[in-house]
């Protein structure tokens, strides 16, 4: 988290390639770990990227809830992210 920016960017890029997706609007990443979701948000903040997080509740109790993160290719448009 506190290493070089290049290593952090490389880590996030590979996480998206593994458990995420890339489309015309931006990037997405899904995890069942709340801690990992928060860490991805903090890592993206360090890179100057605004990230949104949604909790996806599952209907069946045996399937864990997951956190869906997304961010845009272009984060320069003044959107606000809490």
PDB file of N, CA and C in Angstrom:
ATOM      1  N   UNK A   1       0.815  -1.195   0.000  1.00  0.00           N
ATOM      2  CA  UNK A   1       0.000   0.000   0.000  1.00  0.00           C
ATOM      3  C   UNK A   1       0.862   1.264   0.000  1.00  0.00           C
ATOM      4  N   UNK A   2       2.012   1.197   0.653  1.00  0.00           N
ATOM      5  CA  UNK A   2       2.841   2.391   0.776  1.00  0.00           C
ATOM      6  C   UNK A   2       4.134   2.295  -0.020  1.00  0.00           C
ATOM      7  N   UNK A   3       4.211   1.328  -0.925  1.00  0.00           N
ATOM      8  CA  UNK A   3       5.380   1.194  -1.786  1.00  0.00           C
ATOM      9  C   UNK A   3       5.326   2.194  -2.921  1.00  0.00           C
ATOM     10  N   UNK A   4       6.031   1.862  -3.974  1.00  0.00           N
ATOM     11  CA  UNK A   4       6.089   2.782  -5.116  1.00  0.00           C
ATOM     12  C   UNK A   4       4.749   2.813  -5.855  1.00  0.00           C
ATOM     13  N   UNK A   5       4.473   3.942  -6.478  1.00  0.00           N
ATOM     14  CA  UNK A   5       3.250   4.121  -7.263  1.00  0.00           C
ATOM     15  C   UNK A   5       3.216   3.118  -8.417  1.00  0.00           C
ATOM     16  N   UNK A   6       4.359   2.859  -9.035  1.00  0.00           N
ATOM     17  CA  UNK A   6       4.414   1.929 -10.163  1.00  0.00           C
ATOM     18  C   UNK A   6       3.997   0.519  -9.741  1.00  0.00           C
ATOM     19  N   UNK A   7       4.476   0.067  -8.572  1.00  0.00           N
ATOM     20  CA  UNK A   7       4.103  -1.261  -8.087  1.00  0.00           C
ATOM     21  C   UNK A   7       2.620  -1.321  -7.724  1.00  0.00           C
ATOM     22  N   UNK A   8       2.109  -0.253  -7.149  1.00  0.00           N
ATOM     23  CA  UNK A   8       0.692  -0.203  -6.778  1.00  0.00           C
ATOM     24  C   UNK A   8      -0.186  -0.262  -8.027  1.00  0.00           C
ATOM     25  N   UNK A   9       0.174   0.488  -9.051  1.00  0.00           N
ATOM     26  CA  UNK A   9      -0.583   0.471 -10.302  1.00  0.00           C
ATOM     27  C   UNK A   9      -0.532  -0.908 -10.946  1.00  0.00           C
ATOM     28  N   UNK A  10       0.626  -1.527 -10.954  1.00  0.00           N
ATOM     29  CA  UNK A  10       0.788  -2.862 -11.518  1.00  0.00           C
ATOM     30  C   UNK A  10      -0.064  -3.882 -10.748  1.00  0.00           C
ATOM     31  N   UNK A  11      -0.078  -3.773  -9.425  1.00  0.00           N
ATOM     32  CA  UNK A  11      -0.883  -4.676  -8.599  1.00  0.00           C
ATOM     33  C   UNK A  11      -2.370  -4.523  -8.924  1.00  0.00           C
ATOM     34  N   UNK A  12      -2.869  -3.291  -8.972  1.00  0.00           N
ATOM     35  CA  UNK A  12      -4.284  -3.066  -9.263  1.00  0.00           C
ATOM     36  C   UNK A  12      -4.646  -3.528 -10.670  1.00  0.00           C
ATOM     37  N   UNK A  13      -3.779  -3.271 -11.639  1.00  0.00           N
ATOM     38  CA  UNK A  13      -4.029  -3.726 -13.010  1.00  0.00           C
ATOM     39  C   UNK A  13      -4.176  -5.239 -13.060  1.00  0.00           C
ATOM     40  N   UNK A  14      -3.311  -5.953 -12.366  1.00  0.00           N
ATOM     41  CA  UNK A  14      -3.369  -7.411 -12.370  1.00  0.00           C
ATOM     42  C   UNK A  14      -4.548  -7.957 -11.572  1.00  0.00           C
ATOM     43  N   UNK A  15      -4.952  -7.245 -10.524  1.00  0.00           N
ATOM     44  CA  UNK A  15      -6.154  -7.659  -9.784  1.00  0.00           C
ATOM     45  C   UNK A  15      -7.377  -7.565 -10.678  1.00  0.00           C
ATOM     46  N   UNK A  16      -7.470  -6.488 -11.463  1.00  0.00           N
ATOM     47  CA  UNK A  16      -8.602  -6.321 -12.382  1.00  0.00           C
ATOM     48  C   UNK A  16      -8.575  -7.410 -13.450  1.00  0.00           C
ATOM     49  N   UNK A  17      -7.404  -7.735 -13.949  1.00  0.00           N
ATOM     50  CA  UNK A  17      -7.306  -8.798 -14.949  1.00  0.00           C
ATOM     51  C   UNK A  17      -7.712 -10.153 -14.368  1.00  0.00           C
ATOM     52  N   UNK A  18      -7.497 -10.364 -13.078  1.00  0.00           N
ATOM     53  CA  UNK A  18      -7.829 -11.643 -12.445  1.00  0.00           C
ATOM     54  C   UNK A  18      -9.282 -11.761 -12.036  1.00  0.00           C
ATOM     55  N   UNK A  19      -9.768 -10.859 -11.184  1.00  0.00           N
ATOM     56  CA  UNK A  19     -11.125 -10.946 -10.639  1.00  0.00           C
ATOM     57  C   UNK A  19     -12.006  -9.777 -11.045  1.00  0.00           C
ATOM     58  N   UNK A  20     -11.605  -9.050 -12.053  1.00  0.00           N
ATOM     59  CA  UNK A  20     -12.360  -7.875 -12.432  1.00  0.00           C
ATOM     60  C   UNK A  20     -12.762  -7.904 -13.889  1.00  0.00           C
ATOM     61  N   UNK A  21     -13.064  -6.731 -14.391  1.00  0.00           N
ATOM     62  CA  UNK A  21     -13.409  -6.603 -15.805  1.00  0.00           C
ATOM     63  C   UNK A  21     -13.079  -5.194 -16.291  1.00  0.00           C
ATOM     64  N   UNK A  22     -12.901  -5.097 -17.586  1.00  0.00           N
ATOM     65  CA  UNK A  22     -12.646  -3.819 -18.252  1.00  0.00           C
ATOM     66  C   UNK A  22     -13.681  -3.690 -19.356  1.00  0.00           C
ATOM     67  N   UNK A  23     -14.339  -2.539 -19.403  1.00  0.00           N
ATOM     68  CA  UNK A  23     -15.276  -2.283 -20.494  1.00  0.00           C
ATOM     69  C   UNK A  23     -15.056  -0.878 -21.019  1.00  0.00           C
ATOM     70  N   UNK A  24     -15.952  -0.416 -21.904  1.00  0.00           N
ATOM     71  CA  UNK A  24     -15.752   0.894 -22.531  1.00  0.00           C
ATOM     72  C   UNK A  24     -15.844   2.043 -21.538  1.00  0.00           C
ATOM     73  N   UNK A  25     -16.535   1.847 -20.398  1.00  0.00           N
ATOM     74  CA  UNK A  25     -16.702   2.909 -19.410  1.00  0.00           C
ATOM     75  C   UNK A  25     -15.606   2.943 -18.355  1.00  0.00           C
ATOM     76  N   UNK A  26     -14.971   1.812 -18.104  1.00  0.00           N
ATOM     77  CA  UNK A  26     -13.952   1.804 -17.068  1.00  0.00           C
ATOM     78  C   UNK A  26     -13.615   0.406 -16.593  1.00  0.00           C
ATOM     79  N   UNK A  27     -13.313   0.326 -15.307  1.00  0.00           N
ATOM     80  CA  UNK A  27     -12.841  -0.905 -14.706  1.00  0.00           C
ATOM     81  C   UNK A  27     -13.791  -1.337 -13.595  1.00  0.00           C
ATOM     82  N   UNK A  28     -13.811  -2.630 -13.323  1.00  0.00           N
ATOM     83  CA  UNK A  28     -14.603  -3.153 -12.220  1.00  0.00           C
ATOM     84  C   UNK A  28     -13.841  -4.251 -11.513  1.00  0.00           C
ATOM     85  N   UNK A  29     -14.131  -4.418 -10.239  1.00  0.00           N
ATOM     86  CA  UNK A  29     -13.488  -5.454  -9.442  1.00  0.00           C
ATOM     87  C   UNK A  29     -14.488  -5.948  -8.411  1.00  0.00           C
ATOM     88  N   UNK A  30     -14.549  -7.244  -8.193  1.00  0.00           N
ATOM     89  CA  UNK A  30     -15.499  -7.832  -7.253  1.00  0.00           C
ATOM     90  C   UNK A  30     -14.751  -8.674  -6.231  1.00  0.00           C
ATOM     91  N   UNK A  31     -15.146  -8.524  -4.962  1.00  0.00           N
ATOM     92  CA  UNK A  31     -14.553  -9.313  -3.888  1.00  0.00           C
ATOM     93  C   UNK A  31     -15.582  -9.551  -2.792  1.00  0.00           C
ATOM     94  N   UNK A  32     -15.412 -10.624  -2.037  1.00  0.00           N
ATOM     95  CA  UNK A  32     -16.275 -10.878  -0.885  1.00  0.00           C
ATOM     96  C   UNK A  32     -15.689 -10.282   0.392  1.00  0.00           C
ATOM     97  N   UNK A  33     -14.480  -9.754   0.308  1.00  0.00           N
ATOM     98  CA  UNK A  33     -13.793  -9.207   1.471  1.00  0.00           C
ATOM     99  C   UNK A  33     -14.022  -7.703   1.590  1.00  0.00           C
ATOM    100  N   UNK A  34     -14.645  -7.283   2.688  1.00  0.00           N
ATOM    101  CA  UNK A  34     -14.844  -5.853   2.930  1.00  0.00           C
ATOM    102  C   UNK A  34     -13.501  -5.148   3.098  1.00  0.00           C
ATOM    103  N   UNK A  35     -12.574  -5.802   3.769  1.00  0.00           N
ATOM    104  CA  UNK A  35     -11.254  -5.205   3.992  1.00  0.00           C
ATOM    105  C   UNK A  35     -10.530  -4.992   2.670  1.00  0.00           C
ATOM    106  N   UNK A  36     -10.550  -5.991   1.785  1.00  0.00           N
ATOM    107  CA  UNK A  36      -9.897  -5.849   0.491  1.00  0.00           C
ATOM    108  C   UNK A  36     -10.568  -4.755  -0.335  1.00  0.00           C
ATOM    109  N   UNK A  37     -11.891  -4.667  -0.280  1.00  0.00           N
ATOM    110  CA  UNK A  37     -12.612  -3.617  -1.014  1.00  0.00           C
ATOM    111  C   UNK A  37     -12.142  -2.237  -0.550  1.00  0.00           C
ATOM    112  N   UNK A  38     -12.034  -2.048   0.758  1.00  0.00           N
ATOM    113  CA  UNK A  38     -11.568  -0.761   1.282  1.00  0.00           C
ATOM    114  C   UNK A  38     -10.122  -0.484   0.879  1.00  0.00           C
ATOM    115  N   UNK A  39      -9.292  -1.518   0.873  1.00  0.00           N
ATOM    116  CA  UNK A  39      -7.899  -1.339   0.489  1.00  0.00           C
ATOM    117  C   UNK A  39      -7.767  -0.944  -0.982  1.00  0.00           C
ATOM    118  N   UNK A  40      -8.615  -1.504  -1.839  1.00  0.00           N
ATOM    119  CA  UNK A  40      -8.588  -1.124  -3.253  1.00  0.00           C
ATOM    120  C   UNK A  40      -8.998   0.333  -3.413  1.00  0.00           C
ATOM    121  N   UNK A  41     -10.013   0.767  -2.646  1.00  0.00           N
ATOM    122  CA  UNK A  41     -10.434   2.171  -2.689  1.00  0.00           C
ATOM    123  C   UNK A  41      -9.278   3.074  -2.255  1.00  0.00           C
ATOM    124  N   UNK A  42      -8.616   2.725  -1.145  1.00  0.00           N
ATOM    125  CA  UNK A  42      -7.492   3.539  -0.660  1.00  0.00           C
ATOM    126  C   UNK A  42      -6.341   3.552  -1.664  1.00  0.00           C
ATOM    127  N   UNK A  43      -6.054   2.400  -2.271  1.00  0.00           N
ATOM    128  CA  UNK A  43      -4.980   2.326  -3.266  1.00  0.00           C
ATOM    129  C   UNK A  43      -5.310   3.215  -4.464  1.00  0.00           C
ATOM    130  N   UNK A  44      -6.561   3.157  -4.925  1.00  0.00           N
ATOM    131  CA  UNK A  44      -6.958   4.013  -6.044  1.00  0.00           C
ATOM    132  C   UNK A  44      -6.907   5.487  -5.658  1.00  0.00           C
ATOM    133  N   UNK A  45      -7.277   5.816  -4.426  1.00  0.00           N
ATOM    134  CA  UNK A  45      -7.180   7.203  -3.971  1.00  0.00           C
ATOM    135  C   UNK A  45      -5.737   7.679  -4.020  1.00  0.00           C
ATOM    136  N   UNK A  46      -4.829   6.816  -3.647  1.00  0.00           N
ATOM    137  CA  UNK A  46      -3.409   7.173  -3.695  1.00  0.00           C
ATOM    138  C   UNK A  46      -2.969   7.469  -5.124  1.00  0.00           C
ATOM    139  N   UNK A  47      -3.628   6.815  -6.109  1.00  0.00           N
ATOM    140  CA  UNK A  47      -3.319   7.044  -7.513  1.00  0.00           C
ATOM    141  C   UNK A  47      -4.152   8.183  -8.097  1.00  0.00           C
ATOM    142  N   UNK A  48      -4.998   8.812  -7.274  1.00  0.00           N
ATOM    143  CA  UNK A  48      -5.823   9.915  -7.734  1.00  0.00           C
ATOM    144  C   UNK A  48      -7.079   9.463  -8.471  1.00  0.00           C
ATOM    145  N   UNK A  49      -7.515   8.235  -8.221  1.00  0.00           N
ATOM    146  CA  UNK A  49      -8.669   7.658  -8.907  1.00  0.00           C
ATOM    147  C   UNK A  49      -9.838   7.559  -7.944  1.00  0.00           C
ATOM    148  N   UNK A  50     -10.997   8.070  -8.365  1.00  0.00           N
ATOM    149  CA  UNK A  50     -12.219   7.991  -7.566  1.00  0.00           C
ATOM    150  C   UNK A  50     -12.905   6.665  -7.839  1.00  0.00           C
ATOM    151  N   UNK A  51     -13.225   5.932  -6.784  1.00  0.00           N
ATOM    152  CA  UNK A  51     -13.793   4.587  -6.903  1.00  0.00           C
ATOM    153  C   UNK A  51     -15.134   4.519  -6.201  1.00  0.00           C
ATOM    154  N   UNK A  52     -16.099   3.880  -6.845  1.00  0.00           N
ATOM    155  CA  UNK A  52     -17.394   3.668  -6.188  1.00  0.00           C
ATOM    156  C   UNK A  52     -17.462   2.221  -5.709  1.00  0.00           C
ATOM    157  N   UNK A  53     -18.186   2.008  -4.596  1.00  0.00           N
ATOM    158  CA  UNK A  53     -18.339   0.681  -4.013  1.00  0.00           C
ATOM    159  C   UNK A  53     -19.817   0.422  -3.791  1.00  0.00           C
ATOM    160  N   UNK A  54     -20.258  -0.769  -4.205  1.00  0.00           N
ATOM    161  CA  UNK A  54     -21.629  -1.192  -3.941  1.00  0.00           C
ATOM    162  C   UNK A  54     -21.590  -2.551  -3.278  1.00  0.00           C
ATOM    163  N   UNK A  55     -22.437  -2.734  -2.268  1.00  0.00           N
ATOM    164  CA  UNK A  55     -22.578  -4.029  -1.622  1.00  0.00           C
ATOM    165  C   UNK A  55     -23.683  -4.780  -2.334  1.00  0.00           C
ATOM    166  N   UNK A  56     -23.354  -5.958  -2.837  1.00  0.00           N
ATOM    167  CA  UNK A  56     -24.322  -6.792  -3.539  1.00  0.00           C
ATOM    168  C   UNK A  56     -24.778  -7.896  -2.589  1.00  0.00           C
ATOM    169  N   UNK A  57     -26.007  -7.751  -2.088  1.00  0.00           N
ATOM    170  CA  UNK A  57     -26.571  -8.733  -1.154  1.00  0.00           C
ATOM    171  C   UNK A  57     -27.060  -9.944  -1.925  1.00  0.00           C
ATOM    172  N   UNK A  58     -26.810 -11.126  -1.419  1.00  0.00           N
ATOM    173  CA  UNK A  58     -27.226 -12.376  -2.046  1.00  0.00           C
ATOM    174  C   UNK A  58     -28.515 -12.878  -1.409  1.00  0.00           C
ATOM    175  N   UNK A  59     -29.390 -13.449  -2.212  1.00  0.00           N
ATOM    176  CA  UNK A  59     -30.668 -13.966  -1.704  1.00  0.00           C
ATOM    177  C   UNK A  59     -30.478 -15.229  -0.883  1.00  0.00           C
ATOM    178  N   UNK A  60     -29.540 -16.057  -1.284  1.00  0.00           N
ATOM    179  CA  UNK A  60     -29.291 -17.316  -0.575  1.00  0.00           C
ATOM    180  C   UNK A  60     -28.207 -17.110   0.474  1.00  0.00           C
ATOM    181  N   UNK A  61     -28.474 -17.542   1.681  1.00  0.00           N
ATOM    182  CA  UNK A  61     -27.529 -17.314   2.779  1.00  0.00           C
ATOM    183  C   UNK A  61     -26.213 -18.047   2.591  1.00  0.00           C
ATOM    184  N   UNK A  62     -26.216 -19.150   1.822  1.00  0.00           N
ATOM    185  CA  UNK A  62     -24.974 -19.900   1.636  1.00  0.00           C
ATOM    186  C   UNK A  62     -24.024 -19.217   0.649  1.00  0.00           C
ATOM    187  N   UNK A  63     -24.524 -18.210  -0.066  1.00  0.00           N
ATOM    188  CA  UNK A  63     -23.675 -17.447  -0.976  1.00  0.00           C
ATOM    189  C   UNK A  63     -23.340 -16.114  -0.303  1.00  0.00           C
ATOM    190  N   UNK A  64     -22.061 -15.844  -0.171  1.00  0.00           N
ATOM    191  CA  UNK A  64     -21.618 -14.648   0.543  1.00  0.00           C
ATOM    192  C   UNK A  64     -21.922 -13.376  -0.245  1.00  0.00           C
ATOM    193  N   UNK A  65     -22.193 -12.300   0.484  1.00  0.00           N
ATOM    194  CA  UNK A  65     -22.361 -10.987  -0.145  1.00  0.00           C
ATOM    195  C   UNK A  65     -21.030 -10.581  -0.771  1.00  0.00           C
ATOM    196  N   UNK A  66     -21.087  -9.719  -1.769  1.00  0.00           N
ATOM    197  CA  UNK A  66     -19.837  -9.269  -2.380  1.00  0.00           C
ATOM    198  C   UNK A  66     -19.853  -7.766  -2.580  1.00  0.00           C
ATOM    199  N   UNK A  67     -18.673  -7.223  -2.715  1.00  0.00           N
ATOM    200  CA  UNK A  67     -18.473  -5.793  -2.928  1.00  0.00           C
ATOM    201  C   UNK A  67     -18.039  -5.595  -4.378  1.00  0.00           C
ATOM    202  N   UNK A  68     -18.754  -4.730  -5.070  1.00  0.00           N
ATOM    203  CA  UNK A  68     -18.468  -4.448  -6.471  1.00  0.00           C
ATOM    204  C   UNK A  68     -17.900  -3.037  -6.546  1.00  0.00           C
ATOM    205  N   UNK A  69     -16.664  -2.924  -7.010  1.00  0.00           N
ATOM    206  CA  UNK A  69     -15.984  -1.640  -7.128  1.00  0.00           C
ATOM    207  C   UNK A  69     -15.894  -1.272  -8.600  1.00  0.00           C
ATOM    208  N   UNK A  70     -16.010   0.005  -8.876  1.00  0.00           N
ATOM    209  CA  UNK A  70     -15.862   0.455 -10.259  1.00  0.00           C
ATOM    210  C   UNK A  70     -15.221   1.837 -10.288  1.00  0.00           C
ATOM    211  N   UNK A  71     -14.487   2.082 -11.365  1.00  0.00           N
ATOM    212  CA  UNK A  71     -13.894   3.391 -11.583  1.00  0.00           C
ATOM    213  C   UNK A  71     -13.747   3.611 -13.080  1.00  0.00           C
ATOM    214  N   UNK A  72     -13.724   4.854 -13.450  1.00  0.00           N
ATOM    215  CA  UNK A  72     -13.757   5.264 -14.846  1.00  0.00           C
ATOM    216  C   UNK A  72     -12.360   5.339 -15.444  1.00  0.00           C
ATOM    217  N   UNK A  73     -12.298   5.218 -16.774  1.00  0.00           N
ATOM    218  CA  UNK A  73     -11.029   5.457 -17.475  1.00  0.00           C
ATOM    219  C   UNK A  73     -10.593   6.902 -17.278  1.00  0.00           C
ATOM    220  N   UNK A  74     -11.583   7.811 -17.260  1.00  0.00           N
ATOM    221  CA  UNK A  74     -11.309   9.241 -17.142  1.00  0.00           C
ATOM    222  C   UNK A  74     -11.861   9.742 -15.814  1.00  0.00           C
ATOM    223  N   UNK A  75     -10.999   9.985 -14.860  1.00  0.00           N
ATOM    224  CA  UNK A  75     -11.407  10.469 -13.546  1.00  0.00           C
ATOM    225  C   UNK A  75     -11.201  11.966 -13.402  1.00  0.00           C
ATOM    226  N   UNK A  76     -11.104  12.673 -14.487  1.00  0.00           N
ATOM    227  CA  UNK A  76     -10.836  14.103 -14.457  1.00  0.00           C
ATOM    228  C   UNK A  76     -12.097  14.949 -14.542  1.00  0.00           C
ATOM    229  N   UNK A  77     -13.299  14.347 -14.507  1.00  0.00           N
ATOM    230  CA  UNK A  77     -14.510  15.096 -14.781  1.00  0.00           C
ATOM    231  C   UNK A  77     -15.189  15.674 -13.543  1.00  0.00           C
ATOM    232  N   UNK A  78     -14.545  15.670 -12.403  1.00  0.00           N
ATOM    233  CA  UNK A  78     -15.069  16.338 -11.221  1.00  0.00           C
ATOM    234  C   UNK A  78     -16.134  15.592 -10.463  1.00  0.00           C
ATOM    235  N   UNK A  79     -16.321  14.307 -10.733  1.00  0.00           N
ATOM    236  CA  UNK A  79     -17.301  13.550  -9.958  1.00  0.00           C
ATOM    237  C   UNK A  79     -16.815  13.398  -8.532  1.00  0.00           C
ATOM    238  N   UNK A  80     -17.742  13.259  -7.620  1.00  0.00           N
ATOM    239  CA  UNK A  80     -17.401  13.109  -6.212  1.00  0.00           C
ATOM    240  C   UNK A  80     -17.697  11.686  -5.774  1.00  0.00           C
ATOM    241  N   UNK A  81     -16.808  11.121  -4.988  1.00  0.00           N
ATOM    242  CA  UNK A  81     -16.993   9.769  -4.481  1.00  0.00           C
ATOM    243  C   UNK A  81     -16.830   9.772  -2.976  1.00  0.00           C
ATOM    244  N   UNK A  82     -17.826   9.252  -2.271  1.00  0.00           N
ATOM    245  CA  UNK A  82     -17.708   9.109  -0.823  1.00  0.00           C
ATOM    246  C   UNK A  82     -17.180   7.749  -0.493  1.00  0.00           C
TER     247      UNK A  82
END
